[in-house]
Amino acid sequence: MDGIAGKLYDIAGLRQQTGVFADRRDAGRMLAAMLQDWKGVPAVVLGIPSGGIPVAVEVAEALELPLDAAVVSKILLPWNTEAGFGAVGFDGSVWINDEVVAYYNLDDATIHKQTEEALAKVRRRVGLFRDDRPWPDLQQQTIILVDDGIAAGSTLRVAVDAVKNIGGKRIIVAVPTAHLESLAGILEKVDALYCANIRKGPQFAVAAAYRYWDDVDEADAVSMLALFRKNQ
């Protein structure tokens, strides 16, 4: 494993590779192996629903750490169910990508409508995934934020901000795969970033790092969290 720029850690042999993980569980186990220094220390793993939850379960189990959910959502373009122009966090924080807004010439009414829809989705998911449980004292713990990958990085950027807003002091991001260019904006906000598979180039999809990929159903992700807590 190599450290880049002092706080970015990857696996050199996996750079620019595709199909390196069997599935999200396999990716989580590989990520956990990179994070062994955090095993059993005062820390909490926060998985980003829904796709980040199976990865986070493997990380939390291997490191013997508590697990919770950090709910965030893209602010979607009106005509696209995947691409967005910003993101919102579980604390109500909002980040707008002004470059995307300008590129698509989005008006204020569209921005407001799409942002409100994203906030409503986050509020519903917070109730679903966290059930109004109080947050632990995050000032006294390291927070390990886990997702299944970083493409543009908007959701993780907002997740980091939201965790800081509720008291998080030391934050680590851990993802199986990411686009190199998207990491710079996140690196400046966190203490360390672990990513097994870093790729660059004009064509990038998180799914390309996985030999098996599907959308993680909300209900399945909630069940994974409930089972993890039951077994603790």
C-alpha atoms as a PDB file:
ATOM      1  CA  MET A   1       0.000   0.000   0.000  1.00  0.00           C
ATOM      2  CA  ASP A   2       1.326   3.420  -0.896  1.00  0.00           C
ATOM      3  CA  GLY A   3       0.788   6.817   0.655  1.00  0.00           C
ATOM      4  CA  ILE A   4       0.345   9.676  -1.817  1.00  0.00           C
ATOM      5  CA  ALA A   5       0.605  13.311  -0.750  1.00  0.00           C
ATOM      6  CA  GLY A   6       0.914  12.205   2.874  1.00  0.00           C
ATOM      7  CA  LYS A   7      -2.673  11.142   3.466  1.00  0.00           C
ATOM      8  CA  LEU A   8      -3.976   9.323   0.382  1.00  0.00           C
ATOM      9  CA  TYR A   9      -3.451   5.574   0.538  1.00  0.00           C
ATOM     10  CA  ASP A  10      -4.084   3.121  -2.294  1.00  0.00           C
ATOM     11  CA  ILE A  11      -2.878  -0.230  -3.614  1.00  0.00           C
ATOM     12  CA  ALA A  12      -0.373   0.438  -6.396  1.00  0.00           C
ATOM     13  CA  GLY A  13      -1.047  -2.851  -8.172  1.00  0.00           C
ATOM     14  CA  LEU A  14      -4.728  -1.998  -8.565  1.00  0.00           C
ATOM     15  CA  ARG A  15      -4.298   1.411 -10.192  1.00  0.00           C
ATOM     16  CA  GLN A  16      -6.179   1.768 -13.480  1.00  0.00           C
ATOM     17  CA  GLN A  17      -7.588  -1.770 -13.114  1.00  0.00           C
ATOM     18  CA  THR A  18     -11.250  -2.724 -13.613  1.00  0.00           C
ATOM     19  CA  GLY A  19     -13.163  -5.720 -12.268  1.00  0.00           C
ATOM     20  CA  VAL A  20     -10.950  -5.944  -9.188  1.00  0.00           C
ATOM     21  CA  PHE A  21     -13.738  -6.737  -6.674  1.00  0.00           C
ATOM     22  CA  ALA A  22     -16.156  -9.651  -6.825  1.00  0.00           C
ATOM     23  CA  ASP A  23     -18.893  -7.512  -5.206  1.00  0.00           C
ATOM     24  CA  ARG A  24     -19.357  -4.893  -2.488  1.00  0.00           C
ATOM     25  CA  ARG A  25     -18.723  -7.376   0.323  1.00  0.00           C
ATOM     26  CA  ASP A  26     -15.437  -8.414  -1.254  1.00  0.00           C
ATOM     27  CA  ALA A  27     -14.520  -4.741  -1.687  1.00  0.00           C
ATOM     28  CA  GLY A  28     -15.298  -4.108   1.981  1.00  0.00           C
ATOM     29  CA  ARG A  29     -12.994  -6.899   3.089  1.00  0.00           C
ATOM     30  CA  MET A  30     -10.154  -5.556   0.942  1.00  0.00           C
ATOM     31  CA  LEU A  31     -10.745  -2.068   2.308  1.00  0.00           C
ATOM     32  CA  ALA A  32     -10.757  -3.394   5.872  1.00  0.00           C
ATOM     33  CA  ALA A  33      -7.335  -4.960   5.281  1.00  0.00           C
ATOM     34  CA  MET A  34      -6.021  -1.495   4.396  1.00  0.00           C
ATOM     35  CA  LEU A  35      -7.514  -0.062   7.603  1.00  0.00           C
ATOM     36  CA  GLN A  36      -6.085  -2.535  10.120  1.00  0.00           C
ATOM     37  CA  ASP A  37      -4.375   0.233  12.098  1.00  0.00           C
ATOM     38  CA  TRP A  38      -7.883   1.355  13.167  1.00  0.00           C
ATOM     39  CA  LYS A  39      -8.956  -2.005  14.549  1.00  0.00           C
ATOM     40  CA  GLY A  40     -10.435  -1.670  18.027  1.00  0.00           C
ATOM     41  CA  VAL A  41      -9.506   2.008  18.472  1.00  0.00           C
ATOM     42  CA  PRO A  42     -12.049   4.675  19.540  1.00  0.00           C
ATOM     43  CA  ALA A  43     -13.735   5.028  16.148  1.00  0.00           C
ATOM     44  CA  VAL A  44     -17.090   4.602  14.431  1.00  0.00           C
ATOM     45  CA  VAL A  45     -17.825   3.494  10.869  1.00  0.00           C
ATOM     46  CA  LEU A  46     -20.488   5.481   9.002  1.00  0.00           C
ATOM     47  CA  GLY A  47     -21.799   3.872   5.822  1.00  0.00           C
ATOM     48  CA  ILE A  48     -23.486   5.938   3.111  1.00  0.00           C
ATOM     49  CA  PRO A  49     -26.802   4.342   2.055  1.00  0.00           C
ATOM     50  CA  SER A  50     -27.608   2.413   0.176  1.00  0.00           C
ATOM     51  CA  GLY A  51     -24.598   1.121  -1.784  1.00  0.00           C
ATOM     52  CA  GLY A  52     -22.074   1.954   0.901  1.00  0.00           C
ATOM     53  CA  ILE A  53     -23.786  -0.115   3.586  1.00  0.00           C
ATOM     54  CA  PRO A  54     -22.617  -3.623   2.533  1.00  0.00           C
ATOM     55  CA  VAL A  55     -19.077  -2.249   2.195  1.00  0.00           C
ATOM     56  CA  ALA A  56     -19.292  -0.585   5.609  1.00  0.00           C
ATOM     57  CA  VAL A  57     -20.644  -3.739   7.272  1.00  0.00           C
ATOM     58  CA  GLU A  58     -17.532  -5.664   6.230  1.00  0.00           C
ATOM     59  CA  VAL A  59     -15.247  -2.854   7.385  1.00  0.00           C
ATOM     60  CA  ALA A  60     -16.945  -2.498  10.770  1.00  0.00           C
ATOM     61  CA  GLU A  61     -16.990  -6.252  11.393  1.00  0.00           C
ATOM     62  CA  ALA A  62     -13.318  -6.689  10.512  1.00  0.00           C
ATOM     63  CA  LEU A  63     -12.207  -3.696  12.583  1.00  0.00           C
ATOM     64  CA  GLU A  64     -14.545  -4.527  15.496  1.00  0.00           C
ATOM     65  CA  LEU A  65     -16.072  -1.054  15.417  1.00  0.00           C
ATOM     66  CA  PRO A  66     -19.629   0.277  15.800  1.00  0.00           C
ATOM     67  CA  LEU A  67     -21.562   1.041  12.610  1.00  0.00           C
ATOM     68  CA  ASP A  68     -24.107   3.715  11.721  1.00  0.00           C
ATOM     69  CA  ALA A  69     -25.431   5.436   8.605  1.00  0.00           C
ATOM     70  CA  ALA A  70     -24.570   8.859   7.188  1.00  0.00           C
ATOM     71  CA  VAL A  71     -27.477   9.728   4.901  1.00  0.00           C
ATOM     72  CA  VAL A  72     -26.778  12.014   1.940  1.00  0.00           C
ATOM     73  CA  SER A  73     -28.284  12.450  -1.507  1.00  0.00           C
ATOM     74  CA  LYS A  74     -27.387  13.953  -4.848  1.00  0.00           C
ATOM     75  CA  ILE A  75     -29.454  16.869  -6.066  1.00  0.00           C
ATOM     76  CA  LEU A  76     -30.494  15.340  -9.360  1.00  0.00           C
ATOM     77  CA  LEU A  77     -30.843  16.991 -12.712  1.00  0.00           C
ATOM     78  CA  PRO A  78     -34.580  16.984 -13.601  1.00  0.00           C
ATOM     79  CA  TRP A  79     -34.077  14.755 -16.648  1.00  0.00           C
ATOM     80  CA  ASN A  80     -31.583  12.295 -15.137  1.00  0.00           C
ATOM     81  CA  THR A  81     -31.954   9.757 -12.304  1.00  0.00           C
ATOM     82  CA  GLU A  82     -28.184   9.444 -11.770  1.00  0.00           C
ATOM     83  CA  ALA A  83     -26.401  12.716 -12.568  1.00  0.00           C
ATOM     84  CA  GLY A  84     -26.644  15.664 -10.207  1.00  0.00           C
ATOM     85  CA  PHE A  85     -25.558  19.259  -9.678  1.00  0.00           C
ATOM     86  CA  GLY A  86     -24.920  19.084  -5.929  1.00  0.00           C
ATOM     87  CA  ALA A  87     -25.807  17.171  -2.797  1.00  0.00           C
ATOM     88  CA  VAL A  88     -27.522  17.493   0.589  1.00  0.00           C
ATOM     89  CA  GLY A  89     -26.562  16.007   3.942  1.00  0.00           C
ATOM     90  CA  PHE A  90     -28.394  14.508   6.919  1.00  0.00           C
ATOM     91  CA  ASP A  91     -27.904  17.754   8.846  1.00  0.00           C
ATOM     92  CA  GLY A  92     -29.641  19.794   6.131  1.00  0.00           C
ATOM     93  CA  SER A  93     -26.421  21.115   4.613  1.00  0.00           C
ATOM     94  CA  VAL A  94     -26.513  21.827   0.876  1.00  0.00           C
ATOM     95  CA  TRP A  95     -23.688  21.986  -1.673  1.00  0.00           C
ATOM     96  CA  ILE A  96     -24.324  23.251  -5.199  1.00  0.00           C
ATOM     97  CA  ASN A  97     -21.868  22.674  -8.023  1.00  0.00           C
ATOM     98  CA  ASP A  98     -21.940  26.085  -9.712  1.00  0.00           C
ATOM     99  CA  GLU A  99     -20.049  24.823 -12.764  1.00  0.00           C
ATOM    100  CA  VAL A 100     -22.737  22.237 -13.516  1.00  0.00           C
ATOM    101  CA  VAL A 101     -25.489  24.784 -12.871  1.00  0.00           C
ATOM    102  CA  ALA A 102     -23.874  27.168 -15.361  1.00  0.00           C
ATOM    103  CA  TYR A 103     -23.228  24.431 -17.927  1.00  0.00           C
ATOM    104  CA  TYR A 104     -26.902  23.415 -18.001  1.00  0.00           C
ATOM    105  CA  ASN A 105     -28.146  26.975 -17.454  1.00  0.00           C
ATOM    106  CA  LEU A 106     -30.379  25.868 -14.564  1.00  0.00           C
ATOM    107  CA  ASP A 107     -32.728  28.551 -13.277  1.00  0.00           C
ATOM    108  CA  ASP A 108     -33.434  29.321  -9.609  1.00  0.00           C
ATOM    109  CA  ALA A 109     -36.839  27.608  -9.668  1.00  0.00           C
ATOM    110  CA  THR A 110     -35.315  24.350 -10.936  1.00  0.00           C
ATOM    111  CA  ILE A 111     -32.488  24.494  -8.408  1.00  0.00           C
ATOM    112  CA  HIS A 112     -34.957  25.080  -5.569  1.00  0.00           C
ATOM    113  CA  LYS A 113     -37.339  22.314  -6.666  1.00  0.00           C
ATOM    114  CA  GLN A 114     -34.624  19.693  -7.107  1.00  0.00           C
ATOM    115  CA  THR A 115     -32.940  20.673  -3.839  1.00  0.00           C
ATOM    116  CA  GLU A 116     -36.215  20.364  -1.908  1.00  0.00           C
ATOM    117  CA  GLU A 117     -36.790  16.917  -3.404  1.00  0.00           C
ATOM    118  CA  ALA A 118     -33.309  15.824  -2.303  1.00  0.00           C
ATOM    119  CA  LEU A 119     -33.854  17.200   1.211  1.00  0.00           C
ATOM    120  CA  ALA A 120     -37.178  15.342   1.473  1.00  0.00           C
ATOM    121  CA  LYS A 121     -35.461  12.118   0.396  1.00  0.00           C
ATOM    122  CA  VAL A 122     -32.747  12.600   3.019  1.00  0.00           C
ATOM    123  CA  ARG A 123     -35.263  13.305   5.804  1.00  0.00           C
ATOM    124  CA  ARG A 124     -37.185  10.136   4.922  1.00  0.00           C
ATOM    125  CA  ARG A 125     -34.005   8.066   4.797  1.00  0.00           C
ATOM    126  CA  VAL A 126     -32.708   9.419   8.098  1.00  0.00           C
ATOM    127  CA  GLY A 127     -35.864   8.102   9.742  1.00  0.00           C
ATOM    128  CA  LEU A 128     -35.492   4.808   7.919  1.00  0.00           C
ATOM    129  CA  PHE A 129     -31.808   4.185   8.600  1.00  0.00           C
ATOM    130  CA  ARG A 130     -31.256   5.905  11.949  1.00  0.00           C
ATOM    131  CA  ASP A 131     -34.675   5.810  13.635  1.00  0.00           C
ATOM    132  CA  ASP A 132     -33.899   9.027  15.579  1.00  0.00           C
ATOM    133  CA  ARG A 133     -31.059   7.450  17.549  1.00  0.00           C
ATOM    134  CA  PRO A 134     -28.764  10.053  19.148  1.00  0.00           C
ATOM    135  CA  TRP A 135     -25.322  10.410  17.636  1.00  0.00           C
ATOM    136  CA  PRO A 136     -22.363   9.222  19.710  1.00  0.00           C
ATOM    137  CA  ASP A 137     -19.834  11.772  20.920  1.00  0.00           C
ATOM    138  CA  LEU A 138     -18.001  12.169  17.634  1.00  0.00           C
ATOM    139  CA  GLN A 139     -15.456  14.602  19.093  1.00  0.00           C
ATOM    140  CA  GLN A 140     -13.851  11.747  21.001  1.00  0.00           C
ATOM    141  CA  GLN A 141     -13.736   9.261  18.107  1.00  0.00           C
ATOM    142  CA  THR A 142     -12.303   8.866  14.641  1.00  0.00           C
ATOM    143  CA  ILE A 143     -15.051   8.744  12.015  1.00  0.00           C
ATOM    144  CA  ILE A 144     -14.504   6.367   9.091  1.00  0.00           C
ATOM    145  CA  LEU A 145     -16.867   7.357   6.259  1.00  0.00           C
ATOM    146  CA  VAL A 146     -17.466   4.484   3.838  1.00  0.00           C
ATOM    147  CA  ASP A 147     -19.100   4.373   0.402  1.00  0.00           C
ATOM    148  CA  ASP A 148     -18.869   1.963  -2.542  1.00  0.00           C
ATOM    149  CA  GLY A 149     -16.960   4.439  -4.703  1.00  0.00           C
ATOM    150  CA  ILE A 150     -16.359   8.045  -5.730  1.00  0.00           C
ATOM    151  CA  ALA A 151     -17.203   9.328  -9.192  1.00  0.00           C
ATOM    152  CA  ALA A 152     -17.800  13.092  -9.018  1.00  0.00           C
ATOM    153  CA  GLY A 153     -17.502  13.118  -5.217  1.00  0.00           C
ATOM    154  CA  SER A 154     -20.435  15.408  -4.412  1.00  0.00           C
ATOM    155  CA  THR A 155     -22.140  13.093  -1.908  1.00  0.00           C
ATOM    156  CA  LEU A 156     -18.952  12.339   0.015  1.00  0.00           C
ATOM    157  CA  ARG A 157     -18.029  16.014   0.081  1.00  0.00           C
ATOM    158  CA  VAL A 158     -21.370  16.801   1.724  1.00  0.00           C
ATOM    159  CA  ALA A 159     -21.134  13.775   4.037  1.00  0.00           C
ATOM    160  CA  VAL A 160     -17.808  15.075   5.370  1.00  0.00           C
ATOM    161  CA  ASP A 161     -19.268  18.537   5.934  1.00  0.00           C
ATOM    162  CA  ALA A 162     -22.332  17.106   7.697  1.00  0.00           C
ATOM    163  CA  VAL A 163     -20.186  14.988  10.036  1.00  0.00           C
ATOM    164  CA  LYS A 164     -18.093  18.036  10.895  1.00  0.00           C
ATOM    165  CA  ASN A 165     -21.259  20.025  11.563  1.00  0.00           C
ATOM    166  CA  ILE A 166     -22.378  17.530  14.231  1.00  0.00           C
ATOM    167  CA  GLY A 167     -19.017  17.536  15.986  1.00  0.00           C
ATOM    168  CA  GLY A 168     -16.742  15.200  14.045  1.00  0.00           C
ATOM    169  CA  LYS A 169     -13.084  16.149  14.480  1.00  0.00           C
ATOM    170  CA  ARG A 170     -10.964  13.389  12.919  1.00  0.00           C
ATOM    171  CA  ILE A 171     -12.456  12.077   9.669  1.00  0.00           C
ATOM    172  CA  ILE A 172     -11.207   9.320   7.395  1.00  0.00           C
ATOM    173  CA  VAL A 173     -12.821   8.452   4.065  1.00  0.00           C
ATOM    174  CA  ALA A 174     -12.577   4.833   2.905  1.00  0.00           C
ATOM    175  CA  VAL A 175     -13.821   3.697  -0.509  1.00  0.00           C
ATOM    176  CA  PRO A 176     -12.971   0.717  -2.719  1.00  0.00           C
ATOM    177  CA  THR A 177     -12.637   2.749  -5.932  1.00  0.00           C
ATOM    178  CA  ALA A 178     -12.467   6.385  -7.050  1.00  0.00           C
ATOM    179  CA  HIS A 179     -11.631   8.735  -9.898  1.00  0.00           C
ATOM    180  CA  LEU A 180      -8.322  10.431  -9.154  1.00  0.00           C
ATOM    181  CA  GLU A 181      -9.493  13.900 -10.157  1.00  0.00           C
ATOM    182  CA  SER A 182     -12.427  13.750  -7.713  1.00  0.00           C
ATOM    183  CA  LEU A 183     -10.215  13.025  -4.726  1.00  0.00           C
ATOM    184  CA  ALA A 184      -8.516  16.425  -4.465  1.00  0.00           C
ATOM    185  CA  GLY A 185     -11.588  18.286  -3.163  1.00  0.00           C
ATOM    186  CA  ILE A 186     -12.227  15.591  -0.565  1.00  0.00           C
ATOM    187  CA  LEU A 187      -8.600  15.188   0.538  1.00  0.00           C
ATOM    188  CA  GLU A 188      -8.392  18.801   1.680  1.00  0.00           C
ATOM    189  CA  LYS A 189     -11.335  18.208   4.031  1.00  0.00           C
ATOM    190  CA  VAL A 190     -10.236  14.961   5.741  1.00  0.00           C
ATOM    191  CA  ASP A 191      -7.363  13.529   7.752  1.00  0.00           C
ATOM    192  CA  ALA A 192      -6.799  10.528   5.492  1.00  0.00           C
ATOM    193  CA  LEU A 193      -8.366   8.816   2.490  1.00  0.00           C
ATOM    194  CA  TYR A 194      -8.063   5.100   1.766  1.00  0.00           C
ATOM    195  CA  CYS A 195      -8.938   3.859  -1.712  1.00  0.00           C
ATOM    196  CA  ALA A 196      -7.882   0.446  -3.003  1.00  0.00           C
ATOM    197  CA  ASN A 197      -8.452   1.132  -6.703  1.00  0.00           C
ATOM    198  CA  ILE A 198      -7.695   4.601  -8.108  1.00  0.00           C
ATOM    199  CA  ARG A 199      -8.364   5.267 -11.785  1.00  0.00           C
ATOM    200  CA  LYS A 200      -8.124   8.282 -14.047  1.00  0.00           C
ATOM    201  CA  GLY A 201      -9.169   9.180 -17.564  1.00  0.00           C
ATOM    202  CA  PRO A 202     -12.258  10.514 -19.344  1.00  0.00           C
ATOM    203  CA  GLN A 203     -14.325   7.355 -18.874  1.00  0.00           C
ATOM    204  CA  PHE A 204     -15.075   6.351 -15.290  1.00  0.00           C
ATOM    205  CA  ALA A 205     -17.822   4.315 -13.639  1.00  0.00           C
ATOM    206  CA  VAL A 206     -17.801   3.060 -10.064  1.00  0.00           C
ATOM    207  CA  ALA A 207     -19.476  -0.141 -11.271  1.00  0.00           C
ATOM    208  CA  ALA A 208     -16.506  -0.960 -13.525  1.00  0.00           C
ATOM    209  CA  ALA A 209     -14.432  -1.864 -10.455  1.00  0.00           C
ATOM    210  CA  TYR A 210     -16.876  -4.682  -9.625  1.00  0.00           C
ATOM    211  CA  ARG A 211     -17.416  -8.002 -11.402  1.00  0.00           C
ATOM    212  CA  TYR A 212     -20.951  -8.111  -9.965  1.00  0.00           C
ATOM    213  CA  TRP A 213     -22.866  -4.863  -9.553  1.00  0.00           C
ATOM    214  CA  ASP A 214     -26.477  -4.067  -8.777  1.00  0.00           C
ATOM    215  CA  ASP A 215     -28.445  -1.384  -6.977  1.00  0.00           C
ATOM    216  CA  VAL A 216     -28.737  -2.024  -3.231  1.00  0.00           C
ATOM    217  CA  ASP A 217     -32.378  -1.938  -2.175  1.00  0.00           C
ATOM    218  CA  GLU A 218     -33.173   0.374   0.754  1.00  0.00           C
ATOM    219  CA  ALA A 219     -34.910  -2.397   2.682  1.00  0.00           C
ATOM    220  CA  ASP A 220     -31.923  -4.717   2.229  1.00  0.00           C
ATOM    221  CA  ALA A 221     -29.523  -2.036   3.466  1.00  0.00           C
ATOM    222  CA  VAL A 222     -31.702  -1.382   6.539  1.00  0.00           C
ATOM    223  CA  SER A 223     -31.746  -5.131   7.251  1.00  0.00           C
ATOM    224  CA  MET A 224     -27.959  -5.303   7.002  1.00  0.00           C
ATOM    225  CA  LEU A 225     -27.613  -2.560   9.605  1.00  0.00           C
ATOM    226  CA  ALA A 226     -30.179  -4.173  11.901  1.00  0.00           C
ATOM    227  CA  LEU A 227     -28.431  -7.559  11.676  1.00  0.00           C
ATOM    228  CA  PHE A 228     -25.050  -5.978  12.409  1.00  0.00           C
ATOM    229  CA  ARG A 229     -26.415  -4.269  15.537  1.00  0.00           C
ATOM    230  CA  LYS A 230     -28.138  -7.453  16.677  1.00  0.00           C
ATOM    231  CA  ASN A 231     -24.854  -9.356  16.501  1.00  0.00           C
ATOM    232  CA  GLN A 232     -22.841  -6.781  18.453  1.00  0.00           C
END
